[in-house]
mmCIF file of all heavy atoms, coordinates in Angstrom:
data_MODEL
# 
_entry.id   MODEL 
# 
loop_
_atom_site.group_PDB 
_atom_site.id 
_atom_site.type_symbol 
_atom_site.label_atom_id 
_atom_site.label_alt_id 
_atom_site.label_comp_id 
_atom_site.label_asym_id 
_atom_site.label_entity_id 
_atom_site.label_seq_id 
_atom_site.pdbx_PDB_ins_code 
_atom_site.Cartn_x 
_atom_site.Cartn_y 
_atom_site.Cartn_z 
_atom_site.occupancy 
_atom_site.B_iso_or_equiv 
_atom_site.pdbx_formal_charge 
_atom_site.auth_seq_id 
_atom_site.auth_comp_id 
_atom_site.auth_asym_id 
_atom_site.auth_atom_id 
_atom_site.pdbx_PDB_model_num 
ATOM 1   N N   . GLU A 1 1  ? 19.755  -7.032  0.888  1.00 0.00 ? 1  GLU A N   1 
ATOM 2   C CA  . GLU A 1 1  ? 19.601  -6.422  -0.423 1.00 0.00 ? 1  GLU A CA  1 
ATOM 3   C C   . GLU A 1 1  ? 20.105  -4.973  -0.461 1.00 0.00 ? 1  GLU A C   1 
ATOM 4   O O   . GLU A 1 1  ? 20.188  -4.369  -1.514 1.00 0.00 ? 1  GLU A O   1 
ATOM 5   C CB  . GLU A 1 1  ? 18.141  -6.472  -0.873 1.00 0.00 ? 1  GLU A CB  1 
ATOM 6   C CG  . GLU A 1 1  ? 17.640  -7.912  -1.067 1.00 0.00 ? 1  GLU A CG  1 
ATOM 7   C CD  . GLU A 1 1  ? 16.274  -7.961  -1.700 1.00 0.00 ? 1  GLU A CD  1 
ATOM 8   O OE1 . GLU A 1 1  ? 15.812  -6.908  -2.204 1.00 0.00 ? 1  GLU A OE1 1 
ATOM 9   O OE2 . GLU A 1 1  ? 15.655  -9.033  -1.691 1.00 0.00 ? 1  GLU A OE2 1 
ATOM 10  N N   . GLY A 1 2  ? 20.422  -4.417  0.712  1.00 0.00 ? 2  GLY A N   1 
ATOM 11  C CA  . GLY A 1 2  ? 20.979  -3.087  0.762  1.00 0.00 ? 2  GLY A CA  1 
ATOM 12  C C   . GLY A 1 2  ? 20.057  -2.000  0.225  1.00 0.00 ? 2  GLY A C   1 
ATOM 13  O O   . GLY A 1 2  ? 20.526  -0.964  -0.265 1.00 0.00 ? 2  GLY A O   1 
ATOM 14  N N   . GLN A 1 3  ? 18.760  -2.211  0.300  1.00 0.00 ? 3  GLN A N   1 
ATOM 15  C CA  . GLN A 1 3  ? 17.824  -1.232  -0.225 1.00 0.00 ? 3  GLN A CA  1 
ATOM 16  C C   . GLN A 1 3  ? 17.313  -0.319  0.887  1.00 0.00 ? 3  GLN A C   1 
ATOM 17  O O   . GLN A 1 3  ? 17.312  -0.683  2.065  1.00 0.00 ? 3  GLN A O   1 
ATOM 18  C CB  . GLN A 1 3  ? 16.629  -1.929  -0.888 1.00 0.00 ? 3  GLN A CB  1 
ATOM 19  C CG  . GLN A 1 3  ? 17.021  -2.804  -2.073 1.00 0.00 ? 3  GLN A CG  1 
ATOM 20  C CD  . GLN A 1 3  ? 15.800  -3.238  -2.859 1.00 0.00 ? 3  GLN A CD  1 
ATOM 21  O OE1 . GLN A 1 3  ? 14.960  -2.421  -3.226 1.00 0.00 ? 3  GLN A OE1 1 
ATOM 22  N NE2 . GLN A 1 3  ? 15.701  -4.542  -3.110 1.00 0.00 ? 3  GLN A NE2 1 
ATOM 23  N N   . ASN A 1 4  ? 16.865  0.862   0.501  1.00 0.00 ? 4  ASN A N   1 
ATOM 24  C CA  . ASN A 1 4  ? 16.258  1.790   1.442  1.00 0.00 ? 4  ASN A CA  1 
ATOM 25  C C   . ASN A 1 4  ? 14.866  1.255   1.818  1.00 0.00 ? 4  ASN A C   1 
ATOM 26  O O   . ASN A 1 4  ? 13.993  1.154   0.947  1.00 0.00 ? 4  ASN A O   1 
ATOM 27  C CB  . ASN A 1 4  ? 16.144  3.172   0.805  1.00 0.00 ? 4  ASN A CB  1 
ATOM 28  C CG  . ASN A 1 4  ? 15.451  4.183   1.717  1.00 0.00 ? 4  ASN A CG  1 
ATOM 29  O OD1 . ASN A 1 4  ? 15.111  3.864   2.853  1.00 0.00 ? 4  ASN A OD1 1 
ATOM 30  N ND2 . ASN A 1 4  ? 15.227  5.380   1.209  1.00 0.00 ? 4  ASN A ND2 1 
ATOM 31  N N   . PRO A 1 5  ? 14.622  0.897   3.070  1.00 0.00 ? 5  PRO A N   1 
ATOM 32  C CA  . PRO A 1 5  ? 13.340  0.274   3.422  1.00 0.00 ? 5  PRO A CA  1 
ATOM 33  C C   . PRO A 1 5  ? 12.164  1.243   3.523  1.00 0.00 ? 5  PRO A C   1 
ATOM 34  O O   . PRO A 1 5  ? 11.037  0.796   3.606  1.00 0.00 ? 5  PRO A O   1 
ATOM 35  C CB  . PRO A 1 5  ? 13.632  -0.355  4.792  1.00 0.00 ? 5  PRO A CB  1 
ATOM 36  C CG  . PRO A 1 5  ? 14.727  0.486   5.365  1.00 0.00 ? 5  PRO A CG  1 
ATOM 37  C CD  . PRO A 1 5  ? 15.558  0.950   4.199  1.00 0.00 ? 5  PRO A CD  1 
ATOM 38  N N   . LEU A 1 6  ? 12.407  2.564   3.514  1.00 0.00 ? 6  LEU A N   1 
ATOM 39  C CA  . LEU A 1 6  ? 11.297  3.509   3.691  1.00 0.00 ? 6  LEU A CA  1 
ATOM 40  C C   . LEU A 1 6  ? 10.209  3.347   2.622  1.00 0.00 ? 6  LEU A C   1 
ATOM 41  O O   . LEU A 1 6  ? 9.022   3.314   2.971  1.00 0.00 ? 6  LEU A O   1 
ATOM 42  C CB  . LEU A 1 6  ? 11.810  4.947   3.716  1.00 0.00 ? 6  LEU A CB  1 
ATOM 43  C CG  . LEU A 1 6  ? 10.736  6.033   3.933  1.00 0.00 ? 6  LEU A CG  1 
ATOM 44  C CD1 . LEU A 1 6  ? 9.991   5.782   5.243  1.00 0.00 ? 6  LEU A CD1 1 
ATOM 45  C CD2 . LEU A 1 6  ? 11.376  7.408   3.942  1.00 0.00 ? 6  LEU A CD2 1 
ATOM 46  N N   . PRO A 1 7  ? 10.555  3.223   1.328  1.00 0.00 ? 7  PRO A N   1 
ATOM 47  C CA  . PRO A 1 7  ? 9.477   3.033   0.335  1.00 0.00 ? 7  PRO A CA  1 
ATOM 48  C C   . PRO A 1 7  ? 8.643   1.786   0.598  1.00 0.00 ? 7  PRO A C   1 
ATOM 49  O O   . PRO A 1 7  ? 7.439   1.785   0.390  1.00 0.00 ? 7  PRO A O   1 
ATOM 50  C CB  . PRO A 1 7  ? 10.243  2.914   -0.995 1.00 0.00 ? 7  PRO A CB  1 
ATOM 51  C CG  . PRO A 1 7  ? 11.531  3.650   -0.749 1.00 0.00 ? 7  PRO A CG  1 
ATOM 52  C CD  . PRO A 1 7  ? 11.874  3.375   0.685  1.00 0.00 ? 7  PRO A CD  1 
ATOM 53  N N   . PHE A 1 8  ? 9.293   0.711   1.092  1.00 0.00 ? 8  PHE A N   1 
ATOM 54  C CA  . PHE A 1 8  ? 8.549   -0.505  1.376  1.00 0.00 ? 8  PHE A CA  1 
ATOM 55  C C   . PHE A 1 8  ? 7.611   -0.303  2.560  1.00 0.00 ? 8  PHE A C   1 
ATOM 56  O O   . PHE A 1 8  ? 6.516   -0.841  2.603  1.00 0.00 ? 8  PHE A O   1 
ATOM 57  C CB  . PHE A 1 8  ? 9.513   -1.667  1.647  1.00 0.00 ? 8  PHE A CB  1 
ATOM 58  C CG  . PHE A 1 8  ? 10.371  -2.028  0.474  1.00 0.00 ? 8  PHE A CG  1 
ATOM 59  C CD1 . PHE A 1 8  ? 11.754  -1.924  0.550  1.00 0.00 ? 8  PHE A CD1 1 
ATOM 60  C CD2 . PHE A 1 8  ? 9.809   -2.452  -0.711 1.00 0.00 ? 8  PHE A CD2 1 
ATOM 61  C CE1 . PHE A 1 8  ? 12.540  -2.251  -0.528 1.00 0.00 ? 8  PHE A CE1 1 
ATOM 62  C CE2 . PHE A 1 8  ? 10.594  -2.786  -1.802 1.00 0.00 ? 8  PHE A CE2 1 
ATOM 63  C CZ  . PHE A 1 8  ? 11.963  -2.692  -1.715 1.00 0.00 ? 8  PHE A CZ  1 
ATOM 64  N N   . ALA A 1 9  ? 8.060   0.480   3.550  1.00 0.00 ? 9  ALA A N   1 
ATOM 65  C CA  . ALA A 1 9  ? 7.200   0.762   4.707  1.00 0.00 ? 9  ALA A CA  1 
ATOM 66  C C   . ALA A 1 9  ? 5.964   1.547   4.271  1.00 0.00 ? 9  ALA A C   1 
ATOM 67  O O   . ALA A 1 9  ? 4.836   1.236   4.677  1.00 0.00 ? 9  ALA A O   1 
ATOM 68  C CB  . ALA A 1 9  ? 7.985   1.535   5.762  1.00 0.00 ? 9  ALA A CB  1 
ATOM 69  N N   . LEU A 1 10 ? 6.160   2.580   3.437  1.00 0.00 ? 10 LEU A N   1 
ATOM 70  C CA  . LEU A 1 10 ? 5.015   3.348   2.943  1.00 0.00 ? 10 LEU A CA  1 
ATOM 71  C C   . LEU A 1 10 ? 4.124   2.488   2.062  1.00 0.00 ? 10 LEU A C   1 
ATOM 72  O O   . LEU A 1 10 ? 2.896   2.588   2.111  1.00 0.00 ? 10 LEU A O   1 
ATOM 73  C CB  . LEU A 1 10 ? 5.512   4.576   2.174  1.00 0.00 ? 10 LEU A CB  1 
ATOM 74  C CG  . LEU A 1 10 ? 6.252   5.630   3.004  1.00 0.00 ? 10 LEU A CG  1 
ATOM 75  C CD1 . LEU A 1 10 ? 6.734   6.769   2.118  1.00 0.00 ? 10 LEU A CD1 1 
ATOM 76  C CD2 . LEU A 1 10 ? 5.357   6.183   4.111  1.00 0.00 ? 10 LEU A CD2 1 
ATOM 77  N N   . ALA A 1 11 ? 4.735   1.618   1.255  1.00 0.00 ? 11 ALA A N   1 
ATOM 78  C CA  . ALA A 1 11 ? 3.952   0.739   0.383  1.00 0.00 ? 11 ALA A CA  1 
ATOM 79  C C   . ALA A 1 11 ? 3.054   -0.178  1.186  1.00 0.00 ? 11 ALA A C   1 
ATOM 80  O O   . ALA A 1 11 ? 1.923   -0.477  0.789  1.00 0.00 ? 11 ALA A O   1 
ATOM 81  C CB  . ALA A 1 11 ? 4.894   -0.080  -0.510 1.00 0.00 ? 11 ALA A CB  1 
ATOM 82  N N   . GLU A 1 12 ? 3.533   -0.633  2.339  1.00 0.00 ? 12 GLU A N   1 
ATOM 83  C CA  . GLU A 1 12 ? 2.735   -1.514  3.196  1.00 0.00 ? 12 GLU A CA  1 
ATOM 84  C C   . GLU A 1 12 ? 1.472   -0.787  3.671  1.00 0.00 ? 12 GLU A C   1 
ATOM 85  O O   . GLU A 1 12 ? 0.382   -1.359  3.707  1.00 0.00 ? 12 GLU A O   1 
ATOM 86  C CB  . GLU A 1 12 ? 3.565   -1.968  4.391  1.00 0.00 ? 12 GLU A CB  1 
ATOM 87  C CG  . GLU A 1 12 ? 2.869   -2.996  5.269  1.00 0.00 ? 12 GLU A CG  1 
ATOM 88  C CD  . GLU A 1 12 ? 2.756   -4.360  4.603  1.00 0.00 ? 12 GLU A CD  1 
ATOM 89  O OE1 . GLU A 1 12 ? 3.685   -4.735  3.870  1.00 0.00 ? 12 GLU A OE1 1 
ATOM 90  O OE2 . GLU A 1 12 ? 1.726   -5.026  4.813  1.00 0.00 ? 12 GLU A OE2 1 
ATOM 91  N N   . LEU A 1 13 ? 1.617   0.481   4.058  1.00 0.00 ? 13 LEU A N   1 
ATOM 92  C CA  . LEU A 1 13 ? 0.462   1.250   4.522  1.00 0.00 ? 13 LEU A CA  1 
ATOM 93  C C   . LEU A 1 13 ? -0.510  1.500   3.369  1.00 0.00 ? 13 LEU A C   1 
ATOM 94  O O   . LEU A 1 13 ? -1.732  1.454   3.555  1.00 0.00 ? 13 LEU A O   1 
ATOM 95  C CB  . LEU A 1 13 ? 0.932   2.572   5.133  1.00 0.00 ? 13 LEU A CB  1 
ATOM 96  C CG  . LEU A 1 13 ? 1.904   2.442   6.310  1.00 0.00 ? 13 LEU A CG  1 
ATOM 97  C CD1 . LEU A 1 13 ? 2.324   3.821   6.810  1.00 0.00 ? 13 LEU A CD1 1 
ATOM 98  C CD2 . LEU A 1 13 ? 1.278   1.639   7.445  1.00 0.00 ? 13 LEU A CD2 1 
ATOM 99  N N   . ILE A 1 14 ? 0.023   1.774   2.190  1.00 0.00 ? 14 ILE A N   1 
ATOM 100 C CA  . ILE A 1 14 ? -0.843  1.981   1.021  1.00 0.00 ? 14 ILE A CA  1 
ATOM 101 C C   . ILE A 1 14 ? -1.558  0.682   0.665  1.00 0.00 ? 14 ILE A C   1 
ATOM 102 O O   . ILE A 1 14 ? -2.736  0.690   0.267  1.00 0.00 ? 14 ILE A O   1 
ATOM 103 C CB  . ILE A 1 14 ? -0.010  2.477   -0.181 1.00 0.00 ? 14 ILE A CB  1 
ATOM 104 C CG1 . ILE A 1 14 ? 0.626   3.828   0.134  1.00 0.00 ? 14 ILE A CG1 1 
ATOM 105 C CG2 . ILE A 1 14 ? -0.880  2.596   -1.433 1.00 0.00 ? 14 ILE A CG2 1 
ATOM 106 C CD1 . ILE A 1 14 ? 1.653   4.278   -0.875 1.00 0.00 ? 14 ILE A CD1 1 
ATOM 107 N N   . ASP A 1 15 ? -0.877  -0.447  0.830  1.00 0.00 ? 15 ASP A N   1 
ATOM 108 C CA  . ASP A 1 15 ? -1.474  -1.734  0.495  1.00 0.00 ? 15 ASP A CA  1 
ATOM 109 C C   . ASP A 1 15 ? -2.717  -1.999  1.331  1.00 0.00 ? 15 ASP A C   1 
ATOM 110 O O   . ASP A 1 15 ? -3.704  -2.574  0.845  1.00 0.00 ? 15 ASP A O   1 
ATOM 111 C CB  . ASP A 1 15 ? -0.452  -2.848  0.710  1.00 0.00 ? 15 ASP A CB  1 
ATOM 112 C CG  . ASP A 1 15 ? -0.975  -4.195  0.247  1.00 0.00 ? 15 ASP A CG  1 
ATOM 113 O OD1 . ASP A 1 15 ? -1.249  -4.335  -0.959 1.00 0.00 ? 15 ASP A OD1 1 
ATOM 114 O OD2 . ASP A 1 15 ? -1.124  -5.099  1.078  1.00 0.00 ? 15 ASP A OD2 1 
ATOM 115 N N   . ASN A 1 16 ? -2.691  -1.571  2.606  1.00 0.00 ? 16 ASN A N   1 
ATOM 116 C CA  . ASN A 1 16 ? -3.892  -1.715  3.434  1.00 0.00 ? 16 ASN A CA  1 
ATOM 117 C C   . ASN A 1 16 ? -5.058  -0.975  2.808  1.00 0.00 ? 16 ASN A C   1 
ATOM 118 O O   . ASN A 1 16 ? -6.193  -1.453  2.796  1.00 0.00 ? 16 ASN A O   1 
ATOM 119 C CB  . ASN A 1 16 ? -3.626  -1.191  4.844  1.00 0.00 ? 16 ASN A CB  1 
ATOM 120 C CG  . ASN A 1 16 ? -2.727  -2.105  5.657  1.00 0.00 ? 16 ASN A CG  1 
ATOM 121 O OD1 . ASN A 1 16 ? -2.640  -3.295  5.389  1.00 0.00 ? 16 ASN A OD1 1 
ATOM 122 N ND2 . ASN A 1 16 ? -2.054  -1.551  6.638  1.00 0.00 ? 16 ASN A ND2 1 
ATOM 123 N N   . SER A 1 17 ? -4.793  0.243   2.294  1.00 0.00 ? 17 SER A N   1 
ATOM 124 C CA  . SER A 1 17 ? -5.855  1.036   1.689  1.00 0.00 ? 17 SER A CA  1 
ATOM 125 C C   . SER A 1 17 ? -6.306  0.432   0.362  1.00 0.00 ? 17 SER A C   1 
ATOM 126 O O   . SER A 1 17 ? -7.490  0.487   0.007  1.00 0.00 ? 17 SER A O   1 
ATOM 127 C CB  . SER A 1 17 ? -5.378  2.477   1.464  1.00 0.00 ? 17 SER A CB  1 
ATOM 128 O OG  . SER A 1 17 ? -5.205  3.138   2.706  1.00 0.00 ? 17 SER A OG  1 
ATOM 129 N N   . LEU A 1 18 ? -5.365  -0.139  -0.401 1.00 0.00 ? 18 LEU A N   1 
ATOM 130 C CA  . LEU A 1 18 ? -5.741  -0.791  -1.662 1.00 0.00 ? 18 LEU A CA  1 
ATOM 131 C C   . LEU A 1 18 ? -6.691  -1.957  -1.397 1.00 0.00 ? 18 LEU A C   1 
ATOM 132 O O   . LEU A 1 18 ? -7.681  -2.140  -2.109 1.00 0.00 ? 18 LEU A O   1 
ATOM 133 C CB  . LEU A 1 18 ? -4.485  -1.287  -2.393 1.00 0.00 ? 18 LEU A CB  1 
ATOM 134 C CG  . LEU A 1 18 ? -3.620  -0.227  -3.067 1.00 0.00 ? 18 LEU A CG  1 
ATOM 135 C CD1 . LEU A 1 18 ? -2.330  -0.865  -3.596 1.00 0.00 ? 18 LEU A CD1 1 
ATOM 136 C CD2 . LEU A 1 18 ? -4.368  0.456   -4.183 1.00 0.00 ? 18 LEU A CD2 1 
ATOM 137 N N   . SER A 1 19 ? -6.405  -2.731  -0.360 1.00 0.00 ? 19 SER A N   1 
ATOM 138 C CA  . SER A 1 19 ? -7.288  -3.850  -0.017 1.00 0.00 ? 19 SER A CA  1 
ATOM 139 C C   . SER A 1 19 ? -8.645  -3.343  0.472  1.00 0.00 ? 19 SER A C   1 
ATOM 140 O O   . SER A 1 19 ? -9.683  -3.890  0.120  1.00 0.00 ? 19 SER A O   1 
ATOM 141 C CB  . SER A 1 19 ? -6.627  -4.719  1.070  1.00 0.00 ? 19 SER A CB  1 
ATOM 142 O OG  . SER A 1 19 ? -5.441  -5.303  0.596  1.00 0.00 ? 19 SER A OG  1 
ATOM 143 N N   . ALA A 1 20 ? -8.631  -2.281  1.288  1.00 0.00 ? 20 ALA A N   1 
ATOM 144 C CA  . ALA A 1 20 ? -9.869  -1.764  1.868  1.00 0.00 ? 20 ALA A CA  1 
ATOM 145 C C   . ALA A 1 20 ? -10.784 -1.172  0.798  1.00 0.00 ? 20 ALA A C   1 
ATOM 146 O O   . ALA A 1 20 ? -11.999 -1.172  0.952  1.00 0.00 ? 20 ALA A O   1 
ATOM 147 C CB  . ALA A 1 20 ? -9.541  -0.710  2.923  1.00 0.00 ? 20 ALA A CB  1 
ATOM 148 N N   . THR A 1 21 ? -10.211 -0.624  -0.278 1.00 0.00 ? 21 THR A N   1 
ATOM 149 C CA  . THR A 1 21 ? -11.018 0.019   -1.319 1.00 0.00 ? 21 THR A CA  1 
ATOM 150 C C   . THR A 1 21 ? -11.264 -0.886  -2.518 1.00 0.00 ? 21 THR A C   1 
ATOM 151 O O   . THR A 1 21 ? -11.856 -0.462  -3.505 1.00 0.00 ? 21 THR A O   1 
ATOM 152 C CB  . THR A 1 21 ? -10.334 1.319   -1.815 1.00 0.00 ? 21 THR A CB  1 
ATOM 153 O OG1 . THR A 1 21 ? -9.035  0.982   -2.339 1.00 0.00 ? 21 THR A OG1 1 
ATOM 154 C CG2 . THR A 1 21 ? -10.171 2.310   -0.682 1.00 0.00 ? 21 THR A CG2 1 
ATOM 155 N N   . SER A 1 22 ? -10.825 -2.135  -2.456 1.00 0.00 ? 22 SER A N   1 
ATOM 156 C CA  . SER A 1 22 ? -10.889 -3.020  -3.624 1.00 0.00 ? 22 SER A CA  1 
ATOM 157 C C   . SER A 1 22 ? -12.305 -3.296  -4.075 1.00 0.00 ? 22 SER A C   1 
ATOM 158 O O   . SER A 1 22 ? -12.533 -3.608  -5.244 1.00 0.00 ? 22 SER A O   1 
ATOM 159 C CB  . SER A 1 22 ? -10.159 -4.336  -3.328 1.00 0.00 ? 22 SER A CB  1 
ATOM 160 O OG  . SER A 1 22 ? -10.790 -5.016  -2.258 1.00 0.00 ? 22 SER A OG  1 
ATOM 161 N N   . ARG A 1 23 ? -13.277 -3.182  -3.156 1.00 0.00 ? 23 ARG A N   1 
ATOM 162 C CA  . ARG A 1 23 ? -14.668 -3.471  -3.517 1.00 0.00 ? 23 ARG A CA  1 
ATOM 163 C C   . ARG A 1 23 ? -15.502 -2.208  -3.695 1.00 0.00 ? 23 ARG A C   1 
ATOM 164 O O   . ARG A 1 23 ? -16.727 -2.276  -3.803 1.00 0.00 ? 23 ARG A O   1 
ATOM 165 C CB  . ARG A 1 23 ? -15.301 -4.349  -2.437 1.00 0.00 ? 23 ARG A CB  1 
ATOM 166 C CG  . ARG A 1 23 ? -14.658 -5.736  -2.351 1.00 0.00 ? 23 ARG A CG  1 
ATOM 167 C CD  . ARG A 1 23 ? -15.408 -6.616  -1.356 1.00 0.00 ? 23 ARG A CD  1 
ATOM 168 N NE  . ARG A 1 23 ? -14.810 -7.944  -1.264 1.00 0.00 ? 23 ARG A NE  1 
ATOM 169 C CZ  . ARG A 1 23 ? -15.283 -8.921  -0.492 1.00 0.00 ? 23 ARG A CZ  1 
ATOM 170 N NH1 . ARG A 1 23 ? -16.351 -8.694  0.268  1.00 0.00 ? 23 ARG A NH1 1 
ATOM 171 N NH2 . ARG A 1 23 ? -14.709 -10.107 -0.477 1.00 0.00 ? 23 ARG A NH2 1 
ATOM 172 N N   . ASN A 1 24 ? -14.864 -1.061  -3.712 1.00 0.00 ? 24 ASN A N   1 
ATOM 173 C CA  . ASN A 1 24 ? -15.610 0.184   -3.924 1.00 0.00 ? 24 ASN A CA  1 
ATOM 174 C C   . ASN A 1 24 ? -16.304 0.140   -5.292 1.00 0.00 ? 24 ASN A C   1 
ATOM 175 O O   . ASN A 1 24 ? -15.714 -0.269  -6.280 1.00 0.00 ? 24 ASN A O   1 
ATOM 176 C CB  . ASN A 1 24 ? -14.672 1.395   -3.882 1.00 0.00 ? 24 ASN A CB  1 
ATOM 177 C CG  . ASN A 1 24 ? -14.263 1.762   -2.467 1.00 0.00 ? 24 ASN A CG  1 
ATOM 178 O OD1 . ASN A 1 24 ? -14.356 0.944   -1.566 1.00 0.00 ? 24 ASN A OD1 1 
ATOM 179 N ND2 . ASN A 1 24 ? -13.789 2.983   -2.280 1.00 0.00 ? 24 ASN A ND2 1 
ATOM 180 N N   . THR A 1 25 ? -17.565 0.590   -5.309 1.00 0.00 ? 25 THR A N   1 
ATOM 181 C CA  . THR A 1 25 ? -18.275 0.663   -6.588 1.00 0.00 ? 25 THR A CA  1 
ATOM 182 C C   . THR A 1 25 ? -18.016 1.999   -7.286 1.00 0.00 ? 25 THR A C   1 
ATOM 183 O O   . THR A 1 25 ? -18.231 2.131   -8.476 1.00 0.00 ? 25 THR A O   1 
ATOM 184 C CB  . THR A 1 25 ? -19.782 0.501   -6.365 1.00 0.00 ? 25 THR A CB  1 
ATOM 185 O OG1 . THR A 1 25 ? -20.230 1.486   -5.404 1.00 0.00 ? 25 THR A OG1 1 
ATOM 186 C CG2 . THR A 1 25 ? -20.095 -0.894  -5.827 1.00 0.00 ? 25 THR A CG2 1 
ATOM 187 N N   . GLY A 1 26 ? -17.566 2.978   -6.546 1.00 0.00 ? 26 GLY A N   1 
ATOM 188 C CA  . GLY A 1 26 ? -17.257 4.292   -7.094 1.00 0.00 ? 26 GLY A CA  1 
ATOM 189 C C   . GLY A 1 26 ? -15.769 4.557   -7.086 1.00 0.00 ? 26 GLY A C   1 
ATOM 190 O O   . GLY A 1 26 ? -14.950 3.652   -7.227 1.00 0.00 ? 26 GLY A O   1 
ATOM 191 N N   . ILE A 1 27 ? -15.407 5.814   -6.879 1.00 0.00 ? 27 ILE A N   1 
ATOM 192 C CA  . ILE A 1 27 ? -14.010 6.221   -6.894 1.00 0.00 ? 27 ILE A CA  1 
ATOM 193 C C   . ILE A 1 27 ? -13.265 5.637   -5.695 1.00 0.00 ? 27 ILE A C   1 
ATOM 194 O O   . ILE A 1 27 ? -13.775 5.610   -4.581 1.00 0.00 ? 27 ILE A O   1 
ATOM 195 C CB  . ILE A 1 27 ? -13.901 7.755   -6.882 1.00 0.00 ? 27 ILE A CB  1 
ATOM 196 C CG1 . ILE A 1 27 ? -14.473 8.326   -8.190 1.00 0.00 ? 27 ILE A CG1 1 
ATOM 197 C CG2 . ILE A 1 27 ? -12.456 8.211   -6.700 1.00 0.00 ? 27 ILE A CG2 1 
ATOM 198 C CD1 . ILE A 1 27 ? -14.511 9.839   -8.210 1.00 0.00 ? 27 ILE A CD1 1 
# 
């Protein structure tokens, strides 16, 4: 696809945090 993979690499790390915080009752 000829895309810059760096944003996808950072997105993968953020995705771990999105999953980890998905059940937070607060912020």
